[in-house]
Amino acid sequence: MMNGGNIPDDVKRFILVSIASVPHLEAILLLRKEKTRDWNSSQLAQRLYVSEKTADDLLSELHTAGILAEDDDSSGYRFQPQSQDLVQMIDRLADIYARNLVEVTNLIHSKTSKNAQRFADAFIWRKDP
């Protein structure tokens, strides 16, 4: 673990590289928790207390990142990461976030600092080809 923190280094890298904001994380965790449900931007906006436009952007970005899949009629999204490694990383992140909410939130917000950015730039979360 880096600097005695409660977040393992690989999870820190994932957060710094792959989680753009707290709403992104909250959307991932909500859809993970209710993985059999399809979500649209209106439903997500209500649950996360964000605008419908923000929810639409979140869903689109998480789909592009390979975390969500579109439902059959393209009217919503569901939690369906593209790889088992990604599922495992998100499961670990969910567990760590439940126990270290403030530390994870602070790490997400720290992404604007030079040190956090340099650390993140050293690693890239790559999807399998």
N, C-alpha and C. Protein backbone atom coordinates (compact mmCIF):
# COMPACT_ATOMS: atom_id res chain seq x y z
N MET A 1 0.84 -1.18 0.00
CA MET A 1 0.00 0.00 0.00
C MET A 1 0.88 1.24 0.00
N MET A 2 0.43 2.24 -0.65
CA MET A 2 1.19 3.46 -0.82
C MET A 2 0.99 4.38 0.39
N ASN A 3 2.09 4.83 0.97
CA ASN A 3 2.05 5.79 2.08
C ASN A 3 1.17 5.35 3.24
N GLY A 4 1.10 4.03 3.53
CA GLY A 4 0.34 3.56 4.67
C GLY A 4 -1.16 3.71 4.53
N GLY A 5 -1.66 4.02 3.35
CA GLY A 5 -3.09 4.20 3.15
C GLY A 5 -3.84 2.89 3.20
N ASN A 6 -5.14 2.99 3.15
CA ASN A 6 -6.00 1.81 3.20
C ASN A 6 -6.40 1.30 1.83
N ILE A 7 -5.86 1.91 0.78
CA ILE A 7 -6.22 1.54 -0.58
C ILE A 7 -4.98 0.92 -1.24
N PRO A 8 -5.09 -0.32 -1.70
CA PRO A 8 -3.94 -0.95 -2.38
C PRO A 8 -3.54 -0.15 -3.61
N ASP A 9 -2.25 -0.21 -3.96
CA ASP A 9 -1.72 0.57 -5.08
C ASP A 9 -2.45 0.31 -6.40
N ASP A 10 -2.78 -0.95 -6.68
CA ASP A 10 -3.43 -1.22 -7.96
C ASP A 10 -4.84 -0.61 -8.01
N VAL A 11 -5.51 -0.56 -6.88
CA VAL A 11 -6.83 0.06 -6.84
C VAL A 11 -6.68 1.59 -6.94
N LYS A 12 -5.65 2.14 -6.33
CA LYS A 12 -5.39 3.58 -6.47
C LYS A 12 -5.15 3.93 -7.93
N ARG A 13 -4.35 3.12 -8.61
CA ARG A 13 -4.09 3.38 -10.04
C ARG A 13 -5.40 3.34 -10.83
N PHE A 14 -6.22 2.34 -10.54
CA PHE A 14 -7.50 2.23 -11.25
C PHE A 14 -8.36 3.46 -11.02
N ILE A 15 -8.43 3.91 -9.78
CA ILE A 15 -9.21 5.11 -9.45
C ILE A 15 -8.67 6.32 -10.20
N LEU A 16 -7.37 6.51 -10.13
CA LEU A 16 -6.76 7.69 -10.74
C LEU A 16 -6.87 7.69 -12.26
N VAL A 17 -6.82 6.51 -12.86
CA VAL A 17 -6.85 6.42 -14.32
C VAL A 17 -8.27 6.29 -14.86
N SER A 18 -9.15 5.60 -14.12
CA SER A 18 -10.43 5.19 -14.69
C SER A 18 -11.67 5.84 -14.09
N ILE A 19 -11.56 6.46 -12.94
CA ILE A 19 -12.73 7.04 -12.29
C ILE A 19 -12.62 8.57 -12.38
N ALA A 20 -13.44 9.16 -13.25
CA ALA A 20 -13.33 10.59 -13.52
C ALA A 20 -13.88 11.46 -12.39
N SER A 21 -14.87 10.95 -11.65
CA SER A 21 -15.51 11.77 -10.62
C SER A 21 -16.25 10.86 -9.65
N VAL A 22 -16.68 11.43 -8.54
CA VAL A 22 -17.47 10.67 -7.58
C VAL A 22 -18.79 10.21 -8.21
N PRO A 23 -19.48 11.05 -9.00
CA PRO A 23 -20.68 10.53 -9.66
C PRO A 23 -20.41 9.33 -10.58
N HIS A 24 -19.27 9.30 -11.24
CA HIS A 24 -18.90 8.13 -12.05
C HIS A 24 -18.83 6.89 -11.16
N LEU A 25 -18.14 7.04 -10.03
CA LEU A 25 -18.02 5.90 -9.11
C LEU A 25 -19.37 5.49 -8.57
N GLU A 26 -20.17 6.45 -8.17
CA GLU A 26 -21.50 6.14 -7.63
C GLU A 26 -22.37 5.45 -8.67
N ALA A 27 -22.28 5.88 -9.93
CA ALA A 27 -23.05 5.23 -11.00
C ALA A 27 -22.59 3.79 -11.19
N ILE A 28 -21.29 3.57 -11.21
CA ILE A 28 -20.76 2.21 -11.36
C ILE A 28 -21.27 1.32 -10.24
N LEU A 29 -21.17 1.81 -9.01
CA LEU A 29 -21.55 0.99 -7.86
C LEU A 29 -23.06 0.74 -7.81
N LEU A 30 -23.85 1.73 -8.19
CA LEU A 30 -25.30 1.55 -8.22
C LEU A 30 -25.69 0.50 -9.26
N LEU A 31 -25.16 0.62 -10.45
CA LEU A 31 -25.49 -0.34 -11.50
C LEU A 31 -24.95 -1.72 -11.18
N ARG A 32 -23.81 -1.78 -10.52
CA ARG A 32 -23.25 -3.07 -10.07
C ARG A 32 -24.18 -3.73 -9.07
N LYS A 33 -24.69 -2.94 -8.15
CA LYS A 33 -25.57 -3.47 -7.11
C LYS A 33 -26.87 -4.02 -7.70
N GLU A 34 -27.35 -3.37 -8.74
CA GLU A 34 -28.61 -3.77 -9.38
C GLU A 34 -28.33 -4.23 -10.81
N LYS A 35 -27.46 -5.23 -10.94
CA LYS A 35 -26.96 -5.64 -12.26
C LYS A 35 -27.98 -6.25 -13.20
N THR A 36 -29.10 -6.71 -12.70
CA THR A 36 -30.10 -7.28 -13.60
C THR A 36 -31.04 -6.23 -14.17
N ARG A 37 -30.92 -5.01 -13.70
CA ARG A 37 -31.82 -3.93 -14.12
C ARG A 37 -31.18 -3.10 -15.23
N ASP A 38 -32.00 -2.68 -16.19
CA ASP A 38 -31.56 -1.74 -17.21
C ASP A 38 -31.86 -0.32 -16.71
N TRP A 39 -30.95 0.59 -16.97
CA TRP A 39 -31.05 1.96 -16.48
C TRP A 39 -31.05 2.94 -17.65
N ASN A 40 -31.89 3.97 -17.55
CA ASN A 40 -31.81 5.07 -18.51
C ASN A 40 -31.36 6.32 -17.74
N SER A 41 -31.12 7.39 -18.47
CA SER A 41 -30.58 8.60 -17.83
C SER A 41 -31.54 9.21 -16.82
N SER A 42 -32.83 9.12 -17.06
CA SER A 42 -33.80 9.68 -16.13
C SER A 42 -33.77 8.94 -14.79
N GLN A 43 -33.73 7.63 -14.87
CA GLN A 43 -33.70 6.82 -13.64
C GLN A 43 -32.40 7.05 -12.87
N LEU A 44 -31.29 7.08 -13.58
CA LEU A 44 -30.00 7.29 -12.93
C LEU A 44 -29.93 8.69 -12.31
N ALA A 45 -30.43 9.68 -13.02
CA ALA A 45 -30.42 11.05 -12.51
C ALA A 45 -31.17 11.15 -11.18
N GLN A 46 -32.32 10.49 -11.11
CA GLN A 46 -33.10 10.52 -9.87
C GLN A 46 -32.35 9.86 -8.72
N ARG A 47 -31.69 8.76 -8.97
CA ARG A 47 -30.99 8.03 -7.91
C ARG A 47 -29.71 8.71 -7.45
N LEU A 48 -29.03 9.39 -8.38
CA LEU A 48 -27.76 10.02 -8.03
C LEU A 48 -27.89 11.51 -7.73
N TYR A 49 -29.10 12.06 -7.90
CA TYR A 49 -29.34 13.49 -7.67
C TYR A 49 -28.45 14.35 -8.57
N VAL A 50 -28.43 13.98 -9.85
CA VAL A 50 -27.72 14.76 -10.85
C VAL A 50 -28.71 15.08 -11.97
N SER A 51 -28.32 15.97 -12.86
CA SER A 51 -29.19 16.30 -13.98
C SER A 51 -29.29 15.11 -14.94
N GLU A 52 -30.33 15.12 -15.74
CA GLU A 52 -30.50 14.05 -16.72
C GLU A 52 -29.37 14.07 -17.74
N LYS A 53 -28.91 15.25 -18.11
CA LYS A 53 -27.77 15.38 -19.04
C LYS A 53 -26.53 14.76 -18.43
N THR A 54 -26.26 15.05 -17.15
CA THR A 54 -25.11 14.46 -16.48
C THR A 54 -25.23 12.94 -16.43
N ALA A 55 -26.41 12.45 -16.10
CA ALA A 55 -26.63 11.00 -16.05
C ALA A 55 -26.43 10.37 -17.43
N ASP A 56 -26.92 11.04 -18.46
CA ASP A 56 -26.74 10.54 -19.83
C ASP A 56 -25.25 10.47 -20.18
N ASP A 57 -24.51 11.50 -19.81
CA ASP A 57 -23.06 11.51 -20.06
C ASP A 57 -22.37 10.39 -19.28
N LEU A 58 -22.76 10.20 -18.03
CA LEU A 58 -22.18 9.13 -17.21
C LEU A 58 -22.40 7.77 -17.87
N LEU A 59 -23.63 7.50 -18.26
CA LEU A 59 -23.94 6.21 -18.88
C LEU A 59 -23.15 6.01 -20.16
N SER A 60 -23.08 7.03 -20.97
CA SER A 60 -22.34 6.94 -22.23
C SER A 60 -20.85 6.70 -22.00
N GLU A 61 -20.27 7.44 -21.07
CA GLU A 61 -18.84 7.30 -20.77
C GLU A 61 -18.52 5.93 -20.17
N LEU A 62 -19.39 5.43 -19.30
CA LEU A 62 -19.16 4.11 -18.70
C LEU A 62 -19.36 2.99 -19.73
N HIS A 63 -20.24 3.22 -20.68
CA HIS A 63 -20.41 2.27 -21.78
C HIS A 63 -19.14 2.25 -22.64
N THR A 64 -18.64 3.42 -22.99
CA THR A 64 -17.41 3.53 -23.79
C THR A 64 -16.23 2.89 -23.07
N ALA A 65 -16.20 2.99 -21.75
CA ALA A 65 -15.11 2.41 -20.96
C ALA A 65 -15.21 0.90 -20.80
N GLY A 66 -16.31 0.32 -21.31
CA GLY A 66 -16.45 -1.13 -21.23
C GLY A 66 -17.02 -1.64 -19.92
N ILE A 67 -17.64 -0.76 -19.15
CA ILE A 67 -18.22 -1.14 -17.87
C ILE A 67 -19.69 -1.47 -18.00
N LEU A 68 -20.37 -0.80 -18.92
CA LEU A 68 -21.80 -1.01 -19.14
C LEU A 68 -22.05 -1.54 -20.54
N ALA A 69 -23.17 -2.25 -20.70
CA ALA A 69 -23.63 -2.70 -22.01
C ALA A 69 -24.98 -2.08 -22.27
N GLU A 70 -25.27 -1.79 -23.53
CA GLU A 70 -26.59 -1.29 -23.90
C GLU A 70 -27.58 -2.45 -23.89
N ASP A 71 -28.82 -2.15 -23.48
CA ASP A 71 -29.84 -3.20 -23.54
C ASP A 71 -30.21 -3.44 -25.01
N ASP A 72 -31.00 -4.46 -25.25
CA ASP A 72 -31.29 -4.89 -26.61
C ASP A 72 -31.90 -3.82 -27.51
N ASP A 73 -32.74 -2.96 -26.94
CA ASP A 73 -33.37 -1.93 -27.78
C ASP A 73 -32.68 -0.57 -27.67
N SER A 74 -31.49 -0.55 -27.07
CA SER A 74 -30.67 0.66 -26.93
C SER A 74 -31.36 1.78 -26.16
N SER A 75 -32.27 1.43 -25.28
CA SER A 75 -32.95 2.46 -24.49
C SER A 75 -32.38 2.59 -23.08
N GLY A 76 -31.43 1.76 -22.75
CA GLY A 76 -30.85 1.81 -21.43
C GLY A 76 -29.55 1.02 -21.36
N TYR A 77 -28.97 0.97 -20.16
CA TYR A 77 -27.70 0.30 -19.94
C TYR A 77 -27.80 -0.59 -18.71
N ARG A 78 -26.93 -1.58 -18.67
CA ARG A 78 -26.83 -2.45 -17.49
C ARG A 78 -25.34 -2.70 -17.21
N PHE A 79 -25.07 -3.06 -15.99
CA PHE A 79 -23.71 -3.37 -15.56
C PHE A 79 -23.26 -4.67 -16.23
N GLN A 80 -22.24 -4.56 -17.06
CA GLN A 80 -21.71 -5.74 -17.74
C GLN A 80 -20.29 -5.43 -18.23
N PRO A 81 -19.32 -5.42 -17.30
CA PRO A 81 -17.94 -5.14 -17.71
C PRO A 81 -17.45 -6.13 -18.76
N GLN A 82 -16.56 -5.65 -19.62
CA GLN A 82 -16.08 -6.43 -20.75
C GLN A 82 -15.09 -7.52 -20.39
N SER A 83 -14.54 -7.50 -19.19
CA SER A 83 -13.59 -8.54 -18.81
C SER A 83 -13.79 -8.93 -17.35
N GLN A 84 -13.36 -10.13 -17.04
CA GLN A 84 -13.43 -10.60 -15.66
C GLN A 84 -12.48 -9.80 -14.77
N ASP A 85 -11.34 -9.38 -15.32
CA ASP A 85 -10.41 -8.55 -14.54
C ASP A 85 -11.08 -7.25 -14.12
N LEU A 86 -11.84 -6.65 -15.02
CA LEU A 86 -12.54 -5.41 -14.71
C LEU A 86 -13.62 -5.65 -13.66
N VAL A 87 -14.34 -6.75 -13.77
CA VAL A 87 -15.34 -7.11 -12.75
C VAL A 87 -14.67 -7.22 -11.38
N GLN A 88 -13.55 -7.91 -11.33
CA GLN A 88 -12.85 -8.11 -10.05
C GLN A 88 -12.33 -6.79 -9.48
N MET A 89 -11.82 -5.92 -10.36
CA MET A 89 -11.32 -4.63 -9.88
C MET A 89 -12.48 -3.79 -9.32
N ILE A 90 -13.60 -3.78 -10.00
CA ILE A 90 -14.76 -3.01 -9.53
C ILE A 90 -15.29 -3.61 -8.23
N ASP A 91 -15.29 -4.92 -8.10
CA ASP A 91 -15.71 -5.56 -6.85
C ASP A 91 -14.79 -5.14 -5.70
N ARG A 92 -13.50 -5.13 -5.96
CA ARG A 92 -12.54 -4.71 -4.92
C ARG A 92 -12.75 -3.23 -4.57
N LEU A 93 -12.94 -2.41 -5.60
CA LEU A 93 -13.18 -0.98 -5.37
C LEU A 93 -14.43 -0.76 -4.54
N ALA A 94 -15.49 -1.51 -4.82
CA ALA A 94 -16.73 -1.38 -4.06
C ALA A 94 -16.51 -1.70 -2.59
N ASP A 95 -15.75 -2.76 -2.34
CA ASP A 95 -15.45 -3.15 -0.95
C ASP A 95 -14.61 -2.09 -0.25
N ILE A 96 -13.60 -1.59 -0.93
CA ILE A 96 -12.72 -0.58 -0.34
C ILE A 96 -13.48 0.72 -0.12
N TYR A 97 -14.32 1.11 -1.06
CA TYR A 97 -15.11 2.33 -0.93
C TYR A 97 -16.06 2.25 0.26
N ALA A 98 -16.65 1.07 0.48
CA ALA A 98 -17.57 0.89 1.61
C ALA A 98 -16.84 1.08 2.95
N ARG A 99 -15.57 0.74 2.99
CA ARG A 99 -14.81 0.84 4.24
C ARG A 99 -13.98 2.13 4.35
N ASN A 100 -13.73 2.79 3.23
CA ASN A 100 -12.84 3.95 3.20
C ASN A 100 -13.40 5.06 2.31
N LEU A 101 -14.65 5.40 2.51
CA LEU A 101 -15.35 6.36 1.67
C LEU A 101 -14.60 7.67 1.54
N VAL A 102 -14.16 8.23 2.63
CA VAL A 102 -13.50 9.53 2.60
C VAL A 102 -12.16 9.44 1.87
N GLU A 103 -11.41 8.41 2.13
CA GLU A 103 -10.10 8.27 1.48
C GLU A 103 -10.26 8.09 -0.04
N VAL A 104 -11.21 7.29 -0.46
CA VAL A 104 -11.44 7.09 -1.90
C VAL A 104 -11.93 8.39 -2.53
N THR A 105 -12.85 9.06 -1.88
CA THR A 105 -13.37 10.33 -2.39
C THR A 105 -12.25 11.36 -2.51
N ASN A 106 -11.42 11.45 -1.49
CA ASN A 106 -10.30 12.39 -1.53
C ASN A 106 -9.34 12.05 -2.66
N LEU A 107 -9.11 10.76 -2.90
CA LEU A 107 -8.22 10.34 -3.99
C LEU A 107 -8.79 10.77 -5.34
N ILE A 108 -10.08 10.60 -5.53
CA ILE A 108 -10.72 11.02 -6.78
C ILE A 108 -10.56 12.54 -6.95
N HIS A 109 -10.78 13.28 -5.89
CA HIS A 109 -10.65 14.74 -5.96
C HIS A 109 -9.19 15.19 -6.13
N SER A 110 -8.25 14.35 -5.73
CA SER A 110 -6.84 14.71 -5.81
C SER A 110 -6.29 14.64 -7.22
N LYS A 111 -7.08 14.14 -8.14
CA LYS A 111 -6.59 13.94 -9.50
C LYS A 111 -6.08 15.21 -10.14
N THR A 112 -6.44 16.34 -9.61
CA THR A 112 -5.96 17.59 -10.19
C THR A 112 -4.58 17.96 -9.67
N SER A 113 -4.14 17.30 -8.61
CA SER A 113 -2.81 17.63 -8.08
C SER A 113 -1.73 17.00 -8.96
N LYS A 114 -0.60 17.63 -9.02
CA LYS A 114 0.49 17.16 -9.87
C LYS A 114 0.97 15.77 -9.49
N ASN A 115 1.14 15.52 -8.20
CA ASN A 115 1.65 14.22 -7.78
C ASN A 115 0.71 13.09 -8.15
N ALA A 116 -0.55 13.27 -7.92
CA ALA A 116 -1.52 12.23 -8.27
C ALA A 116 -1.53 12.01 -9.77
N GLN A 117 -1.44 13.07 -10.55
CA GLN A 117 -1.45 12.93 -12.00
C GLN A 117 -0.20 12.22 -12.50
N ARG A 118 0.95 12.55 -11.94
CA ARG A 118 2.17 11.85 -12.34
C ARG A 118 2.08 10.37 -12.02
N PHE A 119 1.54 10.04 -10.85
CA PHE A 119 1.37 8.65 -10.47
C PHE A 119 0.43 7.95 -11.45
N ALA A 120 -0.68 8.59 -11.77
CA ALA A 120 -1.66 8.00 -12.69
C ALA A 120 -1.09 7.84 -14.09
N ASP A 121 -0.30 8.81 -14.54
CA ASP A 121 0.26 8.76 -15.89
C ASP A 121 1.22 7.59 -16.06
N ALA A 122 1.75 7.08 -14.97
CA ALA A 122 2.69 5.96 -15.05
C ALA A 122 1.99 4.64 -15.33
N PHE A 123 0.67 4.62 -15.24
CA PHE A 123 -0.07 3.39 -15.41
C PHE A 123 -1.27 3.62 -16.32
N ILE A 124 -1.62 2.60 -17.07
CA ILE A 124 -2.80 2.68 -17.93
C ILE A 124 -3.56 1.40 -17.78
N TRP A 125 -4.86 1.52 -17.51
CA TRP A 125 -5.73 0.34 -17.42
C TRP A 125 -6.09 -0.03 -18.85
N ARG A 126 -5.62 -1.16 -19.29
CA ARG A 126 -5.85 -1.55 -20.68
C ARG A 126 -6.85 -2.68 -20.75
N LYS A 127 -7.75 -2.56 -21.72
CA LYS A 127 -8.68 -3.65 -22.00
C LYS A 127 -7.94 -4.68 -22.84
N ASP A 128 -8.35 -5.94 -22.71
CA ASP A 128 -7.77 -6.98 -23.56
C ASP A 128 -8.11 -6.69 -25.01
N PRO A 129 -7.16 -6.98 -25.93
CA PRO A 129 -7.44 -6.70 -27.34
C PRO A 129 -8.56 -7.56 -27.89
